[in-house]
Amino acid sequence: MGRRPARCYRWQRGKPYIKSRFCRGVPDPKIRIFDAGRKKGDYSLFKHCVHLVSDEKEQITNEALEAARIAANKYMLKYAGKDNFHLRIRVHPYHVLRINKMLSCAGADRLQTGMRGAFGKPLGTTARVGIGQILISIRTKENYAPQASEALRRAKFKFPGRQKVIVSRKWGFTKYTHAEVEKYQASKDIISKGVHAKHISQRGPLKEWFEKKVVALNQKAETA
């Protein structure tokens, strides 16, 4: 029996049904890699960020997520290079889909139970997404901004429903705008945490502020 089409499982119905000791025998999801490109690159390397945002409340299967990841990653590798971007899948397929298998061979009508015990067996996994939820993010250098937007546009075709490609006002995957990061970098008030960064607050114990300030002063910016 082949894979059922997405239209069978597109809409969210009922509560989330996750893998647990009560729900066993769930097939492994196709998507195993959620980060691609230069995933350990410092926050200061990639200031430009683009998001693929869901415009519907629906479910996206693990196969669709994997297909979108491959499409976006392949385009970025070809036109930007593996060291010039960081792609991240922002949703995880935790919800388990079920199927009430029916026999379709000759004489199956004698064996089928119809609606008796129709709860179903695990078929696969899917991600439950809402309106405005980020599905995929790409952070990159400013000169590769058009390529990042095009990669996410191509990834859109792997998903059901509507999505939007949105250029972020924030610096990379951080929560600060470009102006804020530049201001904090000039005053050495920001600590690199790898792919994101943390502003040194002027509130709280003086000892904590001093320790963080020492770390910020001794940090060296990663170069391309």
C-alpha atoms as a PDB file:
ATOM      1  CA  MET A   1       0.000   0.000   0.000  1.00  0.00           C
ATOM      2  CA  GLY A   2       1.419   3.397  -1.059  1.00  0.00           C
ATOM      3  CA  ARG A   3       1.629   6.628   0.892  1.00  0.00           C
ATOM      4  CA  ARG A   4      -1.696   8.429   1.362  1.00  0.00           C
ATOM      5  CA  PRO A   5      -1.917  11.968  -0.108  1.00  0.00           C
ATOM      6  CA  ALA A   6      -1.545  15.034   2.123  1.00  0.00           C
ATOM      7  CA  ARG A   7      -5.225  15.973   1.699  1.00  0.00           C
ATOM      8  CA  CYS A   8      -6.140  13.039   3.980  1.00  0.00           C
ATOM      9  CA  TYR A   9      -4.217  14.553   6.913  1.00  0.00           C
ATOM     10  CA  ARG A  10      -4.025  18.273   6.138  1.00  0.00           C
ATOM     11  CA  TRP A  11      -6.364  19.666   8.797  1.00  0.00           C
ATOM     12  CA  GLN A  12      -5.890  19.629  12.565  1.00  0.00           C
ATOM     13  CA  ARG A  13      -8.574  17.583  14.291  1.00  0.00           C
ATOM     14  CA  GLY A  14      -8.692  16.812  17.991  1.00  0.00           C
ATOM     15  CA  LYS A  15      -5.832  16.858  20.437  1.00  0.00           C
ATOM     16  CA  PRO A  16      -2.154  16.218  19.592  1.00  0.00           C
ATOM     17  CA  TYR A  17      -1.370  12.491  19.600  1.00  0.00           C
ATOM     18  CA  ILE A  18       2.341  11.997  20.259  1.00  0.00           C
ATOM     19  CA  LYS A  19       4.689   9.015  20.433  1.00  0.00           C
ATOM     20  CA  SER A  20       4.713   7.556  23.960  1.00  0.00           C
ATOM     21  CA  ARG A  21       4.714   4.282  25.826  1.00  0.00           C
ATOM     22  CA  PHE A  22       1.003   4.039  24.991  1.00  0.00           C
ATOM     23  CA  CYS A  23       1.504   4.843  21.296  1.00  0.00           C
ATOM     24  CA  ARG A  24       4.170   2.441  20.046  1.00  0.00           C
ATOM     25  CA  GLY A  25       5.297   1.310  16.608  1.00  0.00           C
ATOM     26  CA  VAL A  26       5.477   4.809  15.130  1.00  0.00           C
ATOM     27  CA  PRO A  27       7.570   4.900  11.909  1.00  0.00           C
ATOM     28  CA  ASP A  28      10.683   7.093  12.042  1.00  0.00           C
ATOM     29  CA  PRO A  29      10.249  10.492  10.357  1.00  0.00           C
ATOM     30  CA  LYS A  30      11.947  11.048   6.988  1.00  0.00           C
ATOM     31  CA  ILE A  31      13.425  14.336   8.197  1.00  0.00           C
ATOM     32  CA  ARG A  32      16.479  13.768  10.388  1.00  0.00           C
ATOM     33  CA  ILE A  33      18.519  16.927   9.731  1.00  0.00           C
ATOM     34  CA  PHE A  34      17.064  20.241  10.916  1.00  0.00           C
ATOM     35  CA  ASP A  35      20.134  22.472  10.323  1.00  0.00           C
ATOM     36  CA  ALA A  36      22.161  22.837   7.124  1.00  0.00           C
ATOM     37  CA  GLY A  37      25.017  25.009   5.855  1.00  0.00           C
ATOM     38  CA  ARG A  38      27.367  26.755   8.283  1.00  0.00           C
ATOM     39  CA  LYS A  39      25.344  25.844  11.347  1.00  0.00           C
ATOM     40  CA  LYS A  40      28.069  26.732  13.880  1.00  0.00           C
ATOM     41  CA  GLY A  41      28.804  30.135  12.334  1.00  0.00           C
ATOM     42  CA  ASP A  42      28.889  33.031  14.807  1.00  0.00           C
ATOM     43  CA  TYR A  43      25.913  35.399  14.931  1.00  0.00           C
ATOM     44  CA  SER A  44      28.091  38.255  13.617  1.00  0.00           C
ATOM     45  CA  LEU A  45      28.729  36.454  10.293  1.00  0.00           C
ATOM     46  CA  PHE A  46      25.152  36.396   8.984  1.00  0.00           C
ATOM     47  CA  LYS A  47      23.155  39.568   9.589  1.00  0.00           C
ATOM     48  CA  HIS A  48      20.439  38.978   6.964  1.00  0.00           C
ATOM     49  CA  CYS A  49      17.543  36.632   7.810  1.00  0.00           C
ATOM     50  CA  VAL A  50      14.562  35.346   5.784  1.00  0.00           C
ATOM     51  CA  HIS A  51      11.617  33.307   7.138  1.00  0.00           C
ATOM     52  CA  LEU A  52       9.051  31.057   5.484  1.00  0.00           C
ATOM     53  CA  VAL A  53       5.836  31.700   7.440  1.00  0.00           C
ATOM     54  CA  SER A  54       2.665  29.580   7.410  1.00  0.00           C
ATOM     55  CA  ASP A  55      -0.548  31.378   6.440  1.00  0.00           C
ATOM     56  CA  GLU A  56      -2.865  28.528   7.476  1.00  0.00           C
ATOM     57  CA  LYS A  57      -3.664  26.380  10.486  1.00  0.00           C
ATOM     58  CA  GLU A  58      -2.840  22.923   9.165  1.00  0.00           C
ATOM     59  CA  GLN A  59      -0.579  19.881   9.392  1.00  0.00           C
ATOM     60  CA  ILE A  60       2.656  19.412   7.411  1.00  0.00           C
ATOM     61  CA  THR A  61       3.972  15.853   7.079  1.00  0.00           C
ATOM     62  CA  ASN A  62       7.559  14.833   7.756  1.00  0.00           C
ATOM     63  CA  GLU A  63       7.962  13.934   4.046  1.00  0.00           C
ATOM     64  CA  ALA A  64       6.985  17.471   3.005  1.00  0.00           C
ATOM     65  CA  LEU A  65       9.426  19.005   5.523  1.00  0.00           C
ATOM     66  CA  GLU A  66      12.264  16.829   4.202  1.00  0.00           C
ATOM     67  CA  ALA A  67      11.427  17.676   0.569  1.00  0.00           C
ATOM     68  CA  ALA A  68      11.387  21.418   1.392  1.00  0.00           C
ATOM     69  CA  ARG A  69      14.705  21.167   3.267  1.00  0.00           C
ATOM     70  CA  ILE A  70      16.365  19.414   0.311  1.00  0.00           C
ATOM     71  CA  ALA A  71      14.993  21.951  -2.211  1.00  0.00           C
ATOM     72  CA  ALA A  72      16.103  25.021  -0.208  1.00  0.00           C
ATOM     73  CA  ASN A  73      19.477  23.534   0.769  1.00  0.00           C
ATOM     74  CA  LYS A  74      20.308  22.479  -2.817  1.00  0.00           C
ATOM     75  CA  TYR A  75      19.559  25.976  -4.166  1.00  0.00           C
ATOM     76  CA  MET A  76      21.630  27.705  -1.464  1.00  0.00           C
ATOM     77  CA  LEU A  77      24.572  25.314  -1.947  1.00  0.00           C
ATOM     78  CA  LYS A  78      24.584  26.004  -5.682  1.00  0.00           C
ATOM     79  CA  TYR A  79      24.179  29.799  -5.633  1.00  0.00           C
ATOM     80  CA  ALA A  80      25.618  30.866  -2.245  1.00  0.00           C
ATOM     81  CA  GLY A  81      28.067  28.121  -1.171  1.00  0.00           C
ATOM     82  CA  LYS A  82      27.995  25.949   1.943  1.00  0.00           C
ATOM     83  CA  ASP A  83      29.865  28.484   4.118  1.00  0.00           C
ATOM     84  CA  ASN A  84      27.646  31.472   3.333  1.00  0.00           C
ATOM     85  CA  PHE A  85      24.324  30.499   4.924  1.00  0.00           C
ATOM     86  CA  HIS A  86      22.657  28.652   7.800  1.00  0.00           C
ATOM     87  CA  LEU A  87      19.288  27.009   7.161  1.00  0.00           C
ATOM     88  CA  ARG A  88      17.099  25.833  10.039  1.00  0.00           C
ATOM     89  CA  ILE A  89      13.812  23.880  10.012  1.00  0.00           C
ATOM     90  CA  ARG A  90      11.752  25.468  12.805  1.00  0.00           C
ATOM     91  CA  VAL A  91       8.945  22.889  13.185  1.00  0.00           C
ATOM     92  CA  HIS A  92       9.174  19.249  14.270  1.00  0.00           C
ATOM     93  CA  PRO A  93       6.807  16.409  13.292  1.00  0.00           C
ATOM     94  CA  TYR A  94       5.657  15.160  16.713  1.00  0.00           C
ATOM     95  CA  HIS A  95       1.967  14.465  15.969  1.00  0.00           C
ATOM     96  CA  VAL A  96       1.261  10.816  15.037  1.00  0.00           C
ATOM     97  CA  LEU A  97      -1.080  10.080  12.129  1.00  0.00           C
ATOM     98  CA  ARG A  98      -3.299   6.977  12.181  1.00  0.00           C
ATOM     99  CA  ILE A  99      -4.845   4.746   9.524  1.00  0.00           C
ATOM    100  CA  ASN A 100      -7.657   2.206   9.800  1.00  0.00           C
ATOM    101  CA  LYS A 101      -6.350  -0.300   7.267  1.00  0.00           C
ATOM    102  CA  MET A 102      -8.926  -2.019   5.094  1.00  0.00           C
ATOM    103  CA  LEU A 103      -8.207  -5.135   3.038  1.00  0.00           C
ATOM    104  CA  SER A 104      -8.886  -4.726  -0.664  1.00  0.00           C
ATOM    105  CA  CYS A 105      -8.174  -8.249  -1.940  1.00  0.00           C
ATOM    106  CA  ALA A 106     -10.757 -10.780  -3.121  1.00  0.00           C
ATOM    107  CA  GLY A 107     -12.912 -12.145  -0.313  1.00  0.00           C
ATOM    108  CA  ALA A 108     -11.842  -9.328   2.018  1.00  0.00           C
ATOM    109  CA  ASP A 109     -15.478  -8.543   2.907  1.00  0.00           C
ATOM    110  CA  ARG A 110     -15.506 -11.679   5.078  1.00  0.00           C
ATOM    111  CA  LEU A 111     -12.430 -10.500   7.031  1.00  0.00           C
ATOM    112  CA  GLN A 112     -13.076  -6.767   7.413  1.00  0.00           C
ATOM    113  CA  THR A 113     -14.512  -5.463  10.665  1.00  0.00           C
ATOM    114  CA  GLY A 114     -15.873  -2.152   9.277  1.00  0.00           C
ATOM    115  CA  MET A 115     -16.287   0.442  12.042  1.00  0.00           C
ATOM    116  CA  ARG A 116     -15.476  -1.969  14.860  1.00  0.00           C
ATOM    117  CA  GLY A 117     -12.129  -0.943  16.456  1.00  0.00           C
ATOM    118  CA  ALA A 118     -11.668   1.953  14.021  1.00  0.00           C
ATOM    119  CA  PHE A 119      -9.095   3.903  16.087  1.00  0.00           C
ATOM    120  CA  GLY A 120      -6.329   2.993  13.610  1.00  0.00           C
ATOM    121  CA  LYS A 121      -2.643   2.141  13.687  1.00  0.00           C
ATOM    122  CA  PRO A 122       0.254   4.661  13.487  1.00  0.00           C
ATOM    123  CA  LEU A 123       1.027   5.617   9.887  1.00  0.00           C
ATOM    124  CA  GLY A 124       3.560   8.436  10.172  1.00  0.00           C
ATOM    125  CA  THR A 125       4.234  11.811  11.808  1.00  0.00           C
ATOM    126  CA  THR A 126       3.311  15.395  11.055  1.00  0.00           C
ATOM    127  CA  ALA A 127       3.929  18.920  12.379  1.00  0.00           C
ATOM    128  CA  ARG A 128       0.918  20.948  13.561  1.00  0.00           C
ATOM    129  CA  VAL A 129       1.412  24.574  12.501  1.00  0.00           C
ATOM    130  CA  GLY A 130      -0.573  27.746  13.081  1.00  0.00           C
ATOM    131  CA  ILE A 131      -1.105  31.007  11.207  1.00  0.00           C
ATOM    132  CA  GLY A 132       2.018  33.171  11.420  1.00  0.00           C
ATOM    133  CA  GLN A 133       4.264  30.316  12.595  1.00  0.00           C
ATOM    134  CA  ILE A 134       7.791  30.200  11.120  1.00  0.00           C
ATOM    135  CA  LEU A 135       8.486  26.966   9.207  1.00  0.00           C
ATOM    136  CA  ILE A 136      12.009  27.547   7.818  1.00  0.00           C
ATOM    137  CA  SER A 137      14.594  30.264   8.499  1.00  0.00           C
ATOM    138  CA  ILE A 138      17.758  31.111   6.556  1.00  0.00           C
ATOM    139  CA  ARG A 139      20.404  33.509   7.849  1.00  0.00           C
ATOM    140  CA  THR A 140      23.034  34.656   5.369  1.00  0.00           C
ATOM    141  CA  LYS A 141      25.223  37.556   4.229  1.00  0.00           C
ATOM    142  CA  GLU A 142      23.495  40.593   2.749  1.00  0.00           C
ATOM    143  CA  ASN A 143      24.786  39.959  -0.782  1.00  0.00           C
ATOM    144  CA  TYR A 144      23.061  36.533  -0.798  1.00  0.00           C
ATOM    145  CA  ALA A 145      19.655  37.895   0.329  1.00  0.00           C
ATOM    146  CA  PRO A 146      17.931  37.338  -3.077  1.00  0.00           C
ATOM    147  CA  GLN A 147      19.170  33.721  -3.160  1.00  0.00           C
ATOM    148  CA  ALA A 148      17.766  33.050   0.346  1.00  0.00           C
ATOM    149  CA  SER A 149      14.345  34.407  -0.662  1.00  0.00           C
ATOM    150  CA  GLU A 150      14.343  32.320  -3.858  1.00  0.00           C
ATOM    151  CA  ALA A 151      15.355  29.159  -1.937  1.00  0.00           C
ATOM    152  CA  LEU A 152      12.366  29.576   0.394  1.00  0.00           C
ATOM    153  CA  ARG A 153      10.067  30.349  -2.553  1.00  0.00           C
ATOM    154  CA  ARG A 154      11.056  26.989  -4.046  1.00  0.00           C
ATOM    155  CA  ALA A 155      10.562  25.240  -0.694  1.00  0.00           C
ATOM    156  CA  LYS A 156       6.974  26.599  -0.602  1.00  0.00           C
ATOM    157  CA  PHE A 157       5.971  24.275  -3.449  1.00  0.00           C
ATOM    158  CA  LYS A 158       6.579  21.233  -1.235  1.00  0.00           C
ATOM    159  CA  PHE A 159       3.957  22.308   1.314  1.00  0.00           C
ATOM    160  CA  PRO A 160       0.152  22.283   1.160  1.00  0.00           C
ATOM    161  CA  GLY A 161      -1.704  25.538   1.795  1.00  0.00           C
ATOM    162  CA  ARG A 162      -0.356  29.091   1.695  1.00  0.00           C
ATOM    163  CA  GLN A 163       2.966  30.382   2.961  1.00  0.00           C
ATOM    164  CA  LYS A 164       4.719  33.752   2.820  1.00  0.00           C
ATOM    165  CA  VAL A 165       8.418  34.562   2.431  1.00  0.00           C
ATOM    166  CA  ILE A 166       9.212  37.367   4.894  1.00  0.00           C
ATOM    167  CA  VAL A 167      12.490  39.277   5.250  1.00  0.00           C
ATOM    168  CA  SER A 168      13.239  39.734   8.956  1.00  0.00           C
ATOM    169  CA  ARG A 169      14.110  43.081  10.540  1.00  0.00           C
ATOM    170  CA  LYS A 170      16.237  41.261  13.125  1.00  0.00           C
ATOM    171  CA  TRP A 171      19.965  40.515  12.927  1.00  0.00           C
ATOM    172  CA  GLY A 172      20.242  36.813  11.929  1.00  0.00           C
ATOM    173  CA  PHE A 173      18.584  34.514  14.480  1.00  0.00           C
ATOM    174  CA  THR A 174      18.928  37.058  17.324  1.00  0.00           C
ATOM    175  CA  LYS A 175      16.035  39.053  18.831  1.00  0.00           C
ATOM    176  CA  TYR A 176      17.744  42.406  18.206  1.00  0.00           C
ATOM    177  CA  THR A 177      17.415  44.744  15.212  1.00  0.00           C
ATOM    178  CA  HIS A 178      20.422  45.710  13.058  1.00  0.00           C
ATOM    179  CA  ALA A 179      20.663  49.129  14.729  1.00  0.00           C
ATOM    180  CA  GLU A 180      20.584  47.590  18.228  1.00  0.00           C
ATOM    181  CA  VAL A 181      23.312  45.033  17.449  1.00  0.00           C
ATOM    182  CA  GLU A 182      25.578  47.692  15.913  1.00  0.00           C
ATOM    183  CA  LYS A 183      25.068  49.901  18.994  1.00  0.00           C
ATOM    184  CA  TYR A 184      25.794  47.009  21.408  1.00  0.00           C
ATOM    185  CA  GLN A 185      28.866  45.936  19.416  1.00  0.00           C
ATOM    186  CA  ALA A 186      30.284  49.479  19.519  1.00  0.00           C
ATOM    187  CA  SER A 187      29.833  49.676  23.320  1.00  0.00           C
ATOM    188  CA  LYS A 188      30.890  45.995  23.885  1.00  0.00           C
ATOM    189  CA  ASP A 189      27.531  45.252  25.496  1.00  0.00           C
ATOM    190  CA  ILE A 190      26.777  42.009  23.644  1.00  0.00           C
ATOM    191  CA  ILE A 191      27.956  38.419  24.219  1.00  0.00           C
ATOM    192  CA  SER A 192      28.074  35.870  21.413  1.00  0.00           C
ATOM    193  CA  LYS A 193      26.152  32.670  22.177  1.00  0.00           C
ATOM    194  CA  GLY A 194      26.965  30.997  18.858  1.00  0.00           C
ATOM    195  CA  VAL A 195      24.069  31.388  16.423  1.00  0.00           C
ATOM    196  CA  HIS A 196      22.431  34.046  18.627  1.00  0.00           C
ATOM    197  CA  ALA A 197      23.634  36.726  21.062  1.00  0.00           C
ATOM    198  CA  LYS A 198      22.749  38.185  24.463  1.00  0.00           C
ATOM    199  CA  HIS A 199      22.717  41.844  25.466  1.00  0.00           C
ATOM    200  CA  ILE A 200      24.425  42.678  28.779  1.00  0.00           C
ATOM    201  CA  SER A 201      21.715  44.233  30.933  1.00  0.00           C
ATOM    202  CA  GLN A 202      22.514  47.300  33.039  1.00  0.00           C
ATOM    203  CA  ARG A 203      20.289  45.917  35.833  1.00  0.00           C
ATOM    204  CA  GLY A 204      21.089  43.310  38.464  1.00  0.00           C
ATOM    205  CA  PRO A 205      24.140  42.597  40.669  1.00  0.00           C
ATOM    206  CA  LEU A 206      27.313  44.519  39.791  1.00  0.00           C
ATOM    207  CA  LYS A 207      29.403  41.340  40.081  1.00  0.00           C
ATOM    208  CA  GLU A 208      27.362  39.582  37.349  1.00  0.00           C
ATOM    209  CA  TRP A 209      27.573  42.645  35.091  1.00  0.00           C
ATOM    210  CA  PHE A 210      31.365  42.811  35.562  1.00  0.00           C
ATOM    211  CA  GLU A 211      31.826  39.099  34.722  1.00  0.00           C
ATOM    212  CA  LYS A 212      29.735  39.413  31.537  1.00  0.00           C
ATOM    213  CA  LYS A 213      31.549  42.615  30.550  1.00  0.00           C
ATOM    214  CA  VAL A 214      34.930  40.856  30.830  1.00  0.00           C
ATOM    215  CA  VAL A 215      33.644  38.068  28.541  1.00  0.00           C
ATOM    216  CA  ALA A 216      32.365  40.628  26.004  1.00  0.00           C
ATOM    217  CA  LEU A 217      35.645  42.564  25.999  1.00  0.00           C
ATOM    218  CA  ASN A 218      37.718  39.411  25.459  1.00  0.00           C
ATOM    219  CA  GLN A 219      35.545  37.978  22.663  1.00  0.00           C
ATOM    220  CA  LYS A 220      36.988  38.102  19.164  1.00  0.00           C
ATOM    221  CA  ALA A 221      34.612  38.479  16.226  1.00  0.00           C
ATOM    222  CA  GLU A 222      34.623  35.483  13.877  1.00  0.00           C
ATOM    223  CA  THR A 223      35.669  36.344  10.341  1.00  0.00           C
ATOM    224  CA  ALA A 224      34.400  34.764   7.131  1.00  0.00           C
END
